[in-house]
PDB file of N, CA and C in Angstrom:
ATOM      1  N   MET A   1     -65.181 -22.579   3.716  1.00  0.00           N
ATOM      2  CA  MET A   1     -64.007 -21.968   3.123  1.00  0.00           C
ATOM      3  C   MET A   1     -62.741 -22.725   3.556  1.00  0.00           C
ATOM      4  N   TYR A   2     -62.684 -23.109   4.818  1.00  0.00           N
ATOM      5  CA  TYR A   2     -61.514 -23.802   5.343  1.00  0.00           C
ATOM      6  C   TYR A   2     -61.248 -25.081   4.558  1.00  0.00           C
ATOM      7  N   LEU A   3     -62.275 -25.882   4.350  1.00  0.00           N
ATOM      8  CA  LEU A   3     -62.095 -27.149   3.657  1.00  0.00           C
ATOM      9  C   LEU A   3     -61.797 -26.958   2.173  1.00  0.00           C
ATOM     10  N   SER A   4     -62.285 -25.879   1.582  1.00  0.00           N
ATOM     11  CA  SER A   4     -62.019 -25.655   0.157  1.00  0.00           C
ATOM     12  C   SER A   4     -60.575 -25.232  -0.100  1.00  0.00           C
ATOM     13  N   LEU A   5     -59.916 -24.658   0.889  1.00  0.00           N
ATOM     14  CA  LEU A   5     -58.534 -24.202   0.723  1.00  0.00           C
ATOM     15  C   LEU A   5     -57.515 -25.081   1.453  1.00  0.00           C
ATOM     16  N   TYR A   6     -57.973 -26.133   2.086  1.00  0.00           N
ATOM     17  CA  TYR A   6     -57.086 -26.974   2.886  1.00  0.00           C
ATOM     18  C   TYR A   6     -55.977 -27.601   2.048  1.00  0.00           C
ATOM     19  N   TRP A   7     -56.254 -27.958   0.817  1.00  0.00           N
ATOM     20  CA  TRP A   7     -55.253 -28.608  -0.043  1.00  0.00           C
ATOM     21  C   TRP A   7     -54.086 -27.682  -0.339  1.00  0.00           C
ATOM     22  N   THR A   8     -54.294 -26.374  -0.336  1.00  0.00           N
ATOM     23  CA  THR A   8     -53.188 -25.452  -0.614  1.00  0.00           C
ATOM     24  C   THR A   8     -52.125 -25.533   0.474  1.00  0.00           C
ATOM     25  N   ILE A   9     -52.560 -25.726   1.720  1.00  0.00           N
ATOM     26  CA  ILE A   9     -51.611 -25.873   2.821  1.00  0.00           C
ATOM     27  C   ILE A   9     -50.818 -27.158   2.642  1.00  0.00           C
ATOM     28  N   ASP A  10     -51.485 -28.228   2.223  1.00  0.00           N
ATOM     29  CA  ASP A  10     -50.790 -29.504   1.992  1.00  0.00           C
ATOM     30  C   ASP A  10     -49.750 -29.375   0.888  1.00  0.00           C
ATOM     31  N   VAL A  11     -50.092 -28.672  -0.184  1.00  0.00           N
ATOM     32  CA  VAL A  11     -49.157 -28.478  -1.291  1.00  0.00           C
ATOM     33  C   VAL A  11     -47.963 -27.652  -0.824  1.00  0.00           C
ATOM     34  N   ALA A  12     -48.231 -26.575  -0.086  1.00  0.00           N
ATOM     35  CA  ALA A  12     -47.140 -25.728   0.416  1.00  0.00           C
ATOM     36  C   ALA A  12     -46.235 -26.512   1.369  1.00  0.00           C
ATOM     37  N   ASP A  13     -46.824 -27.311   2.246  1.00  0.00           N
ATOM     38  CA  ASP A  13     -46.021 -28.122   3.160  1.00  0.00           C
ATOM     39  C   ASP A  13     -45.157 -29.123   2.408  1.00  0.00           C
ATOM     40  N   HIS A  14     -45.719 -29.717   1.364  1.00  0.00           N
ATOM     41  CA  HIS A  14     -44.951 -30.671   0.563  1.00  0.00           C
ATOM     42  C   HIS A  14     -43.766 -29.987  -0.117  1.00  0.00           C
ATOM     43  N   LEU A  15     -43.998 -28.806  -0.680  1.00  0.00           N
ATOM     44  CA  LEU A  15     -42.920 -28.080  -1.352  1.00  0.00           C
ATOM     45  C   LEU A  15     -41.860 -27.631  -0.355  1.00  0.00           C
ATOM     46  N   LEU A  16     -42.275 -27.204   0.818  1.00  0.00           N
ATOM     47  CA  LEU A  16     -41.307 -26.796   1.840  1.00  0.00           C
ATOM     48  C   LEU A  16     -40.497 -27.991   2.333  1.00  0.00           C
ATOM     49  N   LYS A  17     -41.125 -29.147   2.385  1.00  0.00           N
ATOM     50  CA  LYS A  17     -40.391 -30.352   2.766  1.00  0.00           C
ATOM     51  C   LYS A  17     -39.341 -30.682   1.715  1.00  0.00           C
ATOM     52  N   ASN A  18     -39.663 -30.468   0.438  1.00  0.00           N
ATOM     53  CA  ASN A  18     -38.702 -30.701  -0.639  1.00  0.00           C
ATOM     54  C   ASN A  18     -37.525 -29.744  -0.570  1.00  0.00           C
ATOM     55  N   ALA A  19     -37.736 -28.561  -0.012  1.00  0.00           N
ATOM     56  CA  ALA A  19     -36.632 -27.602   0.110  1.00  0.00           C
ATOM     57  C   ALA A  19     -35.547 -28.144   1.030  1.00  0.00           C
ATOM     58  N   ALA A  20     -35.932 -28.936   2.011  1.00  0.00           N
ATOM     59  CA  ALA A  20     -34.998 -29.617   2.926  1.00  0.00           C
ATOM     60  C   ALA A  20     -34.005 -28.659   3.574  1.00  0.00           C
ATOM     61  N   LEU A  21     -34.496 -27.547   4.065  1.00  0.00           N
ATOM     62  CA  LEU A  21     -33.652 -26.591   4.777  1.00  0.00           C
ATOM     63  C   LEU A  21     -33.928 -26.694   6.274  1.00  0.00           C
ATOM     64  N   TYR A  22     -33.308 -27.653   6.903  1.00  0.00           N
ATOM     65  CA  TYR A  22     -33.470 -27.794   8.340  1.00  0.00           C
ATOM     66  C   TYR A  22     -32.242 -28.459   8.932  1.00  0.00           C
ATOM     67  N   TYR A  23     -31.983 -28.112  10.146  1.00  0.00           N
ATOM     68  CA  TYR A  23     -30.910 -28.728  10.919  1.00  0.00           C
ATOM     69  C   TYR A  23     -31.189 -28.450  12.393  1.00  0.00           C
ATOM     70  N   ARG A  24     -30.599 -29.211  13.272  1.00  0.00           N
ATOM     71  CA  ARG A  24     -30.809 -29.034  14.704  1.00  0.00           C
ATOM     72  C   ARG A  24     -29.881 -27.955  15.241  1.00  0.00           C
ATOM     73  N   THR A  25     -30.455 -27.094  16.049  1.00  0.00           N
ATOM     74  CA  THR A  25     -29.659 -26.042  16.662  1.00  0.00           C
ATOM     75  C   THR A  25     -30.363 -25.560  17.930  1.00  0.00           C
ATOM     76  N   TRP A  26     -29.601 -25.005  18.840  1.00  0.00           N
ATOM     77  CA  TRP A  26     -30.174 -24.421  20.052  1.00  0.00           C
ATOM     78  C   TRP A  26     -30.660 -23.002  19.796  1.00  0.00           C
ATOM     79  N   LYS A  27     -30.240 -22.443  18.707  1.00  0.00           N
ATOM     80  CA  LYS A  27     -30.607 -21.059  18.397  1.00  0.00           C
ATOM     81  C   LYS A  27     -32.011 -21.050  17.787  1.00  0.00           C
ATOM     82  N   TYR A  28     -32.967 -20.587  18.549  1.00  0.00           N
ATOM     83  CA  TYR A  28     -34.367 -20.675  18.166  1.00  0.00           C
ATOM     84  C   TYR A  28     -34.699 -19.861  16.920  1.00  0.00           C
ATOM     85  N   TRP A  29     -33.935 -18.830  16.622  1.00  0.00           N
ATOM     86  CA  TRP A  29     -34.257 -17.972  15.484  1.00  0.00           C
ATOM     87  C   TRP A  29     -33.864 -18.598  14.140  1.00  0.00           C
ATOM     88  N   HIS A  30     -33.108 -19.680  14.161  1.00  0.00           N
ATOM     89  CA  HIS A  30     -32.725 -20.322  12.903  1.00  0.00           C
ATOM     90  C   HIS A  30     -33.911 -20.980  12.216  1.00  0.00           C
ATOM     91  N   ALA A  31     -34.841 -21.525  12.974  1.00  0.00           N
ATOM     92  CA  ALA A  31     -35.996 -22.215  12.383  1.00  0.00           C
ATOM     93  C   ALA A  31     -36.850 -21.272  11.545  1.00  0.00           C
ATOM     94  N   PRO A  32     -37.272 -20.105  12.048  1.00  0.00           N
ATOM     95  CA  PRO A  32     -38.058 -19.214  11.182  1.00  0.00           C
ATOM     96  C   PRO A  32     -37.240 -18.647  10.022  1.00  0.00           C
ATOM     97  N   MET A  33     -35.945 -18.443  10.234  1.00  0.00           N
ATOM     98  CA  MET A  33     -35.102 -17.951   9.151  1.00  0.00           C
ATOM     99  C   MET A  33     -35.028 -18.985   8.029  1.00  0.00           C
ATOM    100  N   ASN A  34     -34.813 -20.240   8.368  1.00  0.00           N
ATOM    101  CA  ASN A  34     -34.757 -21.303   7.368  1.00  0.00           C
ATOM    102  C   ASN A  34     -36.110 -21.503   6.694  1.00  0.00           C
ATOM    103  N   HIS A  35     -37.180 -21.348   7.459  1.00  0.00           N
ATOM    104  CA  HIS A  35     -38.521 -21.449   6.879  1.00  0.00           C
ATOM    105  C   HIS A  35     -38.728 -20.336   5.845  1.00  0.00           C
ATOM    106  N   GLY A  36     -38.266 -19.140   6.166  1.00  0.00           N
ATOM    107  CA  GLY A  36     -38.359 -18.024   5.217  1.00  0.00           C
ATOM    108  C   GLY A  36     -37.539 -18.279   3.962  1.00  0.00           C
ATOM    109  N   PHE A  37     -36.328 -18.813   4.112  1.00  0.00           N
ATOM    110  CA  PHE A  37     -35.505 -19.152   2.947  1.00  0.00           C
ATOM    111  C   PHE A  37     -36.195 -20.204   2.085  1.00  0.00           C
ATOM    112  N   ALA A  38     -36.769 -21.213   2.735  1.00  0.00           N
ATOM    113  CA  ALA A  38     -37.468 -22.270   1.997  1.00  0.00           C
ATOM    114  C   ALA A  38     -38.658 -21.697   1.238  1.00  0.00           C
ATOM    115  N   LEU A  39     -39.402 -20.800   1.874  1.00  0.00           N
ATOM    116  CA  LEU A  39     -40.534 -20.154   1.187  1.00  0.00           C
ATOM    117  C   LEU A  39     -40.057 -19.374  -0.029  1.00  0.00           C
ATOM    118  N   CYS A  40     -38.951 -18.666   0.102  1.00  0.00           N
ATOM    119  CA  CYS A  40     -38.408 -17.897  -1.028  1.00  0.00           C
ATOM    120  C   CYS A  40     -38.020 -18.807  -2.182  1.00  0.00           C
ATOM    121  N   ILE A  41     -37.386 -19.928  -1.885  1.00  0.00           N
ATOM    122  CA  ILE A  41     -36.965 -20.861  -2.927  1.00  0.00           C
ATOM    123  C   ILE A  41     -38.175 -21.463  -3.627  1.00  0.00           C
ATOM    124  N   VAL A  42     -39.171 -21.868  -2.843  1.00  0.00           N
ATOM    125  CA  VAL A  42     -40.379 -22.463  -3.417  1.00  0.00           C
ATOM    126  C   VAL A  42     -41.125 -21.446  -4.284  1.00  0.00           C
ATOM    127  N   LEU A  43     -41.227 -20.215  -3.807  1.00  0.00           N
ATOM    128  CA  LEU A  43     -41.911 -19.177  -4.590  1.00  0.00           C
ATOM    129  C   LEU A  43     -41.133 -18.816  -5.846  1.00  0.00           C
ATOM    130  N   ALA A  44     -39.809 -18.800  -5.761  1.00  0.00           N
ATOM    131  CA  ALA A  44     -38.999 -18.519  -6.948  1.00  0.00           C
ATOM    132  C   ALA A  44     -39.213 -19.593  -8.010  1.00  0.00           C
ATOM    133  N   TYR A  45     -39.305 -20.856  -7.590  1.00  0.00           N
ATOM    134  CA  TYR A  45     -39.559 -21.925  -8.559  1.00  0.00           C
ATOM    135  C   TYR A  45     -40.956 -21.810  -9.145  1.00  0.00           C
ATOM    136  N   ASP A  46     -41.916 -21.413  -8.336  1.00  0.00           N
ATOM    137  CA  ASP A  46     -43.277 -21.226  -8.830  1.00  0.00           C
ATOM    138  C   ASP A  46     -43.320 -20.114  -9.876  1.00  0.00           C
ATOM    139  N   ILE A  47     -42.600 -19.037  -9.649  1.00  0.00           N
ATOM    140  CA  ILE A  47     -42.520 -17.949 -10.623  1.00  0.00           C
ATOM    141  C   ILE A  47     -41.837 -18.436 -11.897  1.00  0.00           C
ATOM    142  N   TYR A  48     -40.777 -19.227 -11.735  1.00  0.00           N
ATOM    143  CA  TYR A  48     -40.071 -19.809 -12.882  1.00  0.00           C
ATOM    144  C   TYR A  48     -41.019 -20.660 -13.726  1.00  0.00           C
ATOM    145  N   GLU A  49     -41.845 -21.480 -13.058  1.00  0.00           N
ATOM    146  CA  GLU A  49     -42.801 -22.318 -13.791  1.00  0.00           C
ATOM    147  C   GLU A  49     -43.813 -21.472 -14.561  1.00  0.00           C
ATOM    148  N   GLU A  50     -44.296 -20.397 -13.935  1.00  0.00           N
ATOM    149  CA  GLU A  50     -45.246 -19.515 -14.617  1.00  0.00           C
ATOM    150  C   GLU A  50     -44.603 -18.857 -15.834  1.00  0.00           C
ATOM    151  N   CYS A  51     -43.353 -18.481 -15.709  1.00  0.00           N
ATOM    152  CA  CYS A  51     -42.647 -17.873 -16.835  1.00  0.00           C
ATOM    153  C   CYS A  51     -42.437 -18.890 -17.960  1.00  0.00           C
ATOM    154  N   CYS A  52     -42.126 -20.137 -17.585  1.00  0.00           N
ATOM    155  CA  CYS A  52     -41.895 -21.183 -18.584  1.00  0.00           C
ATOM    156  C   CYS A  52     -43.162 -21.524 -19.365  1.00  0.00           C
ATOM    157  N   GLU A  53     -44.320 -21.347 -18.746  1.00  0.00           N
ATOM    158  CA  GLU A  53     -45.573 -21.640 -19.434  1.00  0.00           C
ATOM    159  C   GLU A  53     -45.850 -20.648 -20.548  1.00  0.00           C
ATOM    160  N   GLY A  54     -45.236 -19.472 -20.484  1.00  0.00           N
ATOM    161  CA  GLY A  54     -45.408 -18.470 -21.529  1.00  0.00           C
ATOM    162  C   GLY A  54     -46.638 -17.619 -21.380  1.00  0.00           C
ATOM    163  N   MET A  55     -47.327 -17.713 -20.271  1.00  0.00           N
ATOM    164  CA  MET A  55     -48.539 -16.922 -20.073  1.00  0.00           C
ATOM    165  C   MET A  55     -48.223 -15.481 -19.680  1.00  0.00           C
ATOM    166  N   ILE A  56     -47.064 -15.255 -19.104  1.00  0.00           N
ATOM    167  CA  ILE A  56     -46.672 -13.898 -18.725  1.00  0.00           C
ATOM    168  C   ILE A  56     -46.088 -13.182 -19.936  1.00  0.00           C
ATOM    169  N   GLU A  57     -45.169 -13.832 -20.613  1.00  0.00           N
ATOM    170  CA  GLU A  57     -44.518 -13.273 -21.809  1.00  0.00           C
ATOM    171  C   GLU A  57     -44.263 -14.429 -22.767  1.00  0.00           C
ATOM    172  N   ASN A  58     -44.707 -14.294 -24.013  1.00  0.00           N
ATOM    173  CA  ASN A  58     -44.554 -15.371 -24.992  1.00  0.00           C
ATOM    174  C   ASN A  58     -43.089 -15.720 -25.252  1.00  0.00           C
ATOM    175  N   ASP A  59     -42.200 -14.745 -25.188  1.00  0.00           N
ATOM    176  CA  ASP A  59     -40.778 -14.981 -25.459  1.00  0.00           C
ATOM    177  C   ASP A  59     -40.125 -15.863 -24.390  1.00  0.00           C
ATOM    178  N   TRP A  60     -40.726 -15.931 -23.219  1.00  0.00           N
ATOM    179  CA  TRP A  60     -40.145 -16.690 -22.112  1.00  0.00           C
ATOM    180  C   TRP A  60     -40.555 -18.153 -22.123  1.00  0.00           C
ATOM    181  N   LYS A  61     -41.433 -18.548 -23.020  1.00  0.00           N
ATOM    182  CA  LYS A  61     -41.938 -19.918 -23.034  1.00  0.00           C
ATOM    183  C   LYS A  61     -40.799 -20.908 -23.281  1.00  0.00           C
ATOM    184  N   VAL A  62     -40.785 -21.968 -22.474  1.00  0.00           N
ATOM    185  CA  VAL A  62     -39.743 -22.994 -22.547  1.00  0.00           C
ATOM    186  C   VAL A  62     -40.431 -24.330 -22.822  1.00  0.00           C
ATOM    187  N   GLU A  63     -39.820 -25.100 -23.710  1.00  0.00           N
ATOM    188  CA  GLU A  63     -40.369 -26.425 -24.001  1.00  0.00           C
ATOM    189  C   GLU A  63     -40.335 -27.281 -22.746  1.00  0.00           C
ATOM    190  N   LEU A  64     -41.268 -28.202 -22.657  1.00  0.00           N
ATOM    191  CA  LEU A  64     -41.366 -29.056 -21.481  1.00  0.00           C
ATOM    192  C   LEU A  64     -40.099 -29.876 -21.262  1.00  0.00           C
ATOM    193  N   LYS A  65     -39.440 -30.295 -22.343  1.00  0.00           N
ATOM    194  CA  LYS A  65     -38.213 -31.086 -22.219  1.00  0.00           C
ATOM    195  C   LYS A  65     -37.059 -30.271 -21.654  1.00  0.00           C
ATOM    196  N   LYS A  66     -37.027 -28.961 -21.941  1.00  0.00           N
ATOM    197  CA  LYS A  66     -35.921 -28.111 -21.499  1.00  0.00           C
ATOM    198  C   LYS A  66     -36.167 -27.478 -20.132  1.00  0.00           C
ATOM    199  N   LYS A  67     -37.388 -27.577 -19.629  1.00  0.00           N
ATOM    200  CA  LYS A  67     -37.726 -26.977 -18.346  1.00  0.00           C
ATOM    201  C   LYS A  67     -37.002 -27.708 -17.220  1.00  0.00           C
ATOM    202  N   LYS A  68     -36.444 -26.967 -16.304  1.00  0.00           N
ATOM    203  CA  LYS A  68     -35.689 -27.532 -15.180  1.00  0.00           C
ATOM    204  C   LYS A  68     -36.642 -28.091 -14.124  1.00  0.00           C
ATOM    205  N   THR A  69     -36.216 -29.179 -13.489  1.00  0.00           N
ATOM    206  CA  THR A  69     -36.975 -29.696 -12.354  1.00  0.00           C
ATOM    207  C   THR A  69     -36.689 -28.813 -11.147  1.00  0.00           C
ATOM    208  N   TYR A  70     -37.442 -29.046 -10.081  1.00  0.00           N
ATOM    209  CA  TYR A  70     -37.254 -28.253  -8.876  1.00  0.00           C
ATOM    210  C   TYR A  70     -35.829 -28.390  -8.350  1.00  0.00           C
ATOM    211  N   PHE A  71     -35.301 -29.606  -8.357  1.00  0.00           N
ATOM    212  CA  PHE A  71     -33.972 -29.837  -7.795  1.00  0.00           C
ATOM    213  C   PHE A  71     -32.871 -29.249  -8.684  1.00  0.00           C
ATOM    214  N   GLU A  72     -33.041 -29.298 -10.002  1.00  0.00           N
ATOM    215  CA  GLU A  72     -32.084 -28.641 -10.909  1.00  0.00           C
ATOM    216  C   GLU A  72     -32.129 -27.131 -10.722  1.00  0.00           C
ATOM    217  N   PHE A  73     -33.340 -26.591 -10.588  1.00  0.00           N
ATOM    218  CA  PHE A  73     -33.504 -25.157 -10.372  1.00  0.00           C
ATOM    219  C   PHE A  73     -32.827 -24.727  -9.079  1.00  0.00           C
ATOM    220  N   ARG A  74     -33.016 -25.514  -8.027  1.00  0.00           N
ATOM    221  CA  ARG A  74     -32.417 -25.179  -6.736  1.00  0.00           C
ATOM    222  C   ARG A  74     -30.899 -25.211  -6.795  1.00  0.00           C
ATOM    223  N   GLU A  75     -30.333 -26.153  -7.544  1.00  0.00           N
ATOM    224  CA  GLU A  75     -28.882 -26.234  -7.672  1.00  0.00           C
ATOM    225  C   GLU A  75     -28.335 -25.024  -8.434  1.00  0.00           C
ATOM    226  N   ILE A  76     -29.008 -24.646  -9.512  1.00  0.00           N
ATOM    227  CA  ILE A  76     -28.584 -23.458 -10.271  1.00  0.00           C
ATOM    228  C   ILE A  76     -28.702 -22.214  -9.409  1.00  0.00           C
ATOM    229  N   LEU A  77     -29.781 -22.111  -8.666  1.00  0.00           N
ATOM    230  CA  LEU A  77     -29.995 -20.962  -7.788  1.00  0.00           C
ATOM    231  C   LEU A  77     -28.894 -20.865  -6.736  1.00  0.00           C
ATOM    232  N   SER A  78     -28.510 -21.995  -6.157  1.00  0.00           N
ATOM    233  CA  SER A  78     -27.486 -21.960  -5.115  1.00  0.00           C
ATOM    234  C   SER A  78     -26.120 -21.587  -5.673  1.00  0.00           C
ATOM    235  N   THR A  79     -25.776 -22.058  -6.879  1.00  0.00           N
ATOM    236  CA  THR A  79     -24.483 -21.680  -7.451  1.00  0.00           C
ATOM    237  C   THR A  79     -24.460 -20.198  -7.798  1.00  0.00           C
ATOM    238  N   GLN A  80     -25.591 -19.656  -8.244  1.00  0.00           N
ATOM    239  CA  GLN A  80     -25.648 -18.218  -8.514  1.00  0.00           C
ATOM    240  C   GLN A  80     -25.502 -17.422  -7.228  1.00  0.00           C
ATOM    241  N   MET A  81     -26.138 -17.889  -6.159  1.00  0.00           N
ATOM    242  CA  MET A  81     -26.058 -17.169  -4.889  1.00  0.00           C
ATOM    243  C   MET A  81     -24.651 -17.218  -4.315  1.00  0.00           C
ATOM    244  N   LEU A  82     -23.952 -18.322  -4.494  1.00  0.00           N
ATOM    245  CA  LEU A  82     -22.605 -18.453  -3.947  1.00  0.00           C
ATOM    246  C   LEU A  82     -21.577 -17.638  -4.725  1.00  0.00           C
ATOM    247  N   SER A  83     -21.814 -17.437  -6.015  1.00  0.00           N
ATOM    248  CA  SER A  83     -20.837 -16.721  -6.829  1.00  0.00           C
ATOM    249  C   SER A  83     -21.078 -15.211  -6.853  1.00  0.00           C
ATOM    250  N   TYR A  84     -22.204 -14.742  -6.369  1.00  0.00           N
ATOM    251  CA  TYR A  84     -22.513 -13.311  -6.421  1.00  0.00           C
ATOM    252  C   TYR A  84     -21.918 -12.577  -5.223  1.00  0.00           C
ATOM    253  N   HIS A  85     -21.458 -11.360  -5.462  1.00  0.00           N
ATOM    254  CA  HIS A  85     -20.954 -10.511  -4.390  1.00  0.00           C
ATOM    255  C   HIS A  85     -21.571  -9.129  -4.550  1.00  0.00           C
ATOM    256  N   PRO A  86     -22.029  -8.501  -3.454  1.00  0.00           N
ATOM    257  CA  PRO A  86     -22.695  -7.201  -3.561  1.00  0.00           C
ATOM    258  C   PRO A  86     -21.807  -6.086  -4.118  1.00  0.00           C
ATOM    259  N   LYS A  87     -20.473  -6.268  -4.095  1.00  0.00           N
ATOM    260  CA  LYS A  87     -19.593  -5.238  -4.649  1.00  0.00           C
ATOM    261  C   LYS A  87     -19.826  -5.040  -6.141  1.00  0.00           C
ATOM    262  N   LYS A  88     -20.394  -6.038  -6.809  1.00  0.00           N
ATOM    263  CA  LYS A  88     -20.700  -5.909  -8.230  1.00  0.00           C
ATOM    264  C   LYS A  88     -21.821  -4.909  -8.478  1.00  0.00           C
ATOM    265  N   GLN A  89     -22.673  -4.708  -7.478  1.00  0.00           N
ATOM    266  CA  GLN A  89     -23.782  -3.765  -7.517  1.00  0.00           C
ATOM    267  C   GLN A  89     -24.654  -3.939  -8.762  1.00  0.00           C
ATOM    268  N   LEU A  90     -25.092  -5.159  -8.984  1.00  0.00           N
ATOM    269  CA  LEU A  90     -25.954  -5.458 -10.124  1.00  0.00           C
ATOM    270  C   LEU A  90     -27.434  -5.316  -9.802  1.00  0.00           C
ATOM    271  N   TYR A  91     -27.801  -5.409  -8.537  1.00  0.00           N
ATOM    272  CA  TYR A  91     -29.209  -5.429  -8.154  1.00  0.00           C
ATOM    273  C   TYR A  91     -29.543  -4.245  -7.265  1.00  0.00           C
ATOM    274  N   PRO A  92     -30.804  -3.800  -7.293  1.00  0.00           N
ATOM    275  CA  PRO A  92     -31.216  -2.704  -6.408  1.00  0.00           C
ATOM    276  C   PRO A  92     -31.026  -3.095  -4.953  1.00  0.00           C
ATOM    277  N   GLY A  93     -30.512  -2.191  -4.155  1.00  0.00           N
ATOM    278  CA  GLY A  93     -30.278  -2.447  -2.743  1.00  0.00           C
ATOM    279  C   GLY A  93     -28.860  -2.849  -2.419  1.00  0.00           C
ATOM    280  N   ASP A  94     -28.078  -3.213  -3.438  1.00  0.00           N
ATOM    281  CA  ASP A  94     -26.688  -3.599  -3.180  1.00  0.00           C
ATOM    282  C   ASP A  94     -25.878  -2.433  -2.620  1.00  0.00           C
ATOM    283  N   GLU A  95     -26.245  -1.225  -3.003  1.00  0.00           N
ATOM    284  CA  GLU A  95     -25.480  -0.063  -2.534  1.00  0.00           C
ATOM    285  C   GLU A  95     -25.644   0.156  -1.040  1.00  0.00           C
ATOM    286  N   LYS A  96     -26.625  -0.482  -0.407  1.00  0.00           N
ATOM    287  CA  LYS A  96     -26.851  -0.332   1.026  1.00  0.00           C
ATOM    288  C   LYS A  96     -26.213  -1.451   1.846  1.00  0.00           C
ATOM    289  N   MET A  97     -25.612  -2.418   1.187  1.00  0.00           N
ATOM    290  CA  MET A  97     -24.961  -3.525   1.907  1.00  0.00           C
ATOM    291  C   MET A  97     -23.692  -3.017   2.584  1.00  0.00           C
ATOM    292  N   ARG A  98     -23.349  -3.583   3.710  1.00  0.00           N
ATOM    293  CA  ARG A  98     -22.200  -3.131   4.500  1.00  0.00           C
ATOM    294  C   ARG A  98     -20.886  -3.244   3.726  1.00  0.00           C
ATOM    295  N   VAL A  99     -20.761  -4.271   2.910  1.00  0.00           N
ATOM    296  CA  VAL A  99     -19.530  -4.457   2.113  1.00  0.00           C
ATOM    297  C   VAL A  99     -19.330  -3.266   1.191  1.00  0.00           C
ATOM    298  N   VAL A 100     -20.411  -2.723   0.647  1.00  0.00           N
ATOM    299  CA  VAL A 100     -20.327  -1.603  -0.291  1.00  0.00           C
ATOM    300  C   VAL A 100     -20.158  -0.281   0.438  1.00  0.00           C
ATOM    301  N   THR A 101     -20.889  -0.088   1.552  1.00  0.00           N
ATOM    302  CA  THR A 101     -20.809   1.188   2.247  1.00  0.00           C
ATOM    303  C   THR A 101     -19.460   1.394   2.927  1.00  0.00           C
ATOM    304  N   SER A 102     -18.750   0.301   3.221  1.00  0.00           N
ATOM    305  CA  SER A 102     -17.444   0.440   3.860  1.00  0.00           C
ATOM    306  C   SER A 102     -16.300   0.542   2.857  1.00  0.00           C
ATOM    307  N   MET A 103     -16.590   0.498   1.548  1.00  0.00           N
ATOM    308  CA  MET A 103     -15.544   0.623   0.519  1.00  0.00           C
ATOM    309  C   MET A 103     -15.080   2.064   0.441  1.00  0.00           C
ATOM    310  N   SER A 104     -13.830   2.267   0.057  1.00  0.00           N
ATOM    311  CA  SER A 104     -13.331   3.614  -0.143  1.00  0.00           C
ATOM    312  C   SER A 104     -13.934   4.188  -1.418  1.00  0.00           C
ATOM    313  N   ARG A 105     -14.153   5.456  -1.435  1.00  0.00           N
ATOM    314  CA  ARG A 105     -14.802   6.095  -2.591  1.00  0.00           C
ATOM    315  C   ARG A 105     -13.841   6.322  -3.755  1.00  0.00           C
ATOM    316  N   THR A 106     -12.553   6.204  -3.508  1.00  0.00           N
ATOM    317  CA  THR A 106     -11.573   6.447  -4.571  1.00  0.00           C
ATOM    318  C   THR A 106     -11.414   5.265  -5.499  1.00  0.00           C
ATOM    319  N   GLY A 107     -11.742   4.075  -5.012  1.00  0.00           N
ATOM    320  CA  GLY A 107     -11.384   2.902  -5.736  1.00  0.00           C
ATOM    321  C   GLY A 107     -12.389   2.238  -6.536  1.00  0.00           C
TER     322      GLY A 107
END
């Protein structure tokens, strides 16, 4: 079983290396945090690819020429993350963020 699944670890390591989320720091907790962020980005792109294939929903199918590469996807993802603020309350869980809970109820 180990040898039959060994290639999946190699693929995951390659994708995490492409995420390039690393820097030197004395704070030991940054490494697992960055690893978690890299895993999220890689998994989000994998979900995007599955959606583009049209196997989940036919309406979501994207032509191969229009499909974003991993690096284009990551750039779009980062600009969306930088422009979003939880005060907009567009996603579930935003109401529990500190920025929202500390807002006055009148405004």
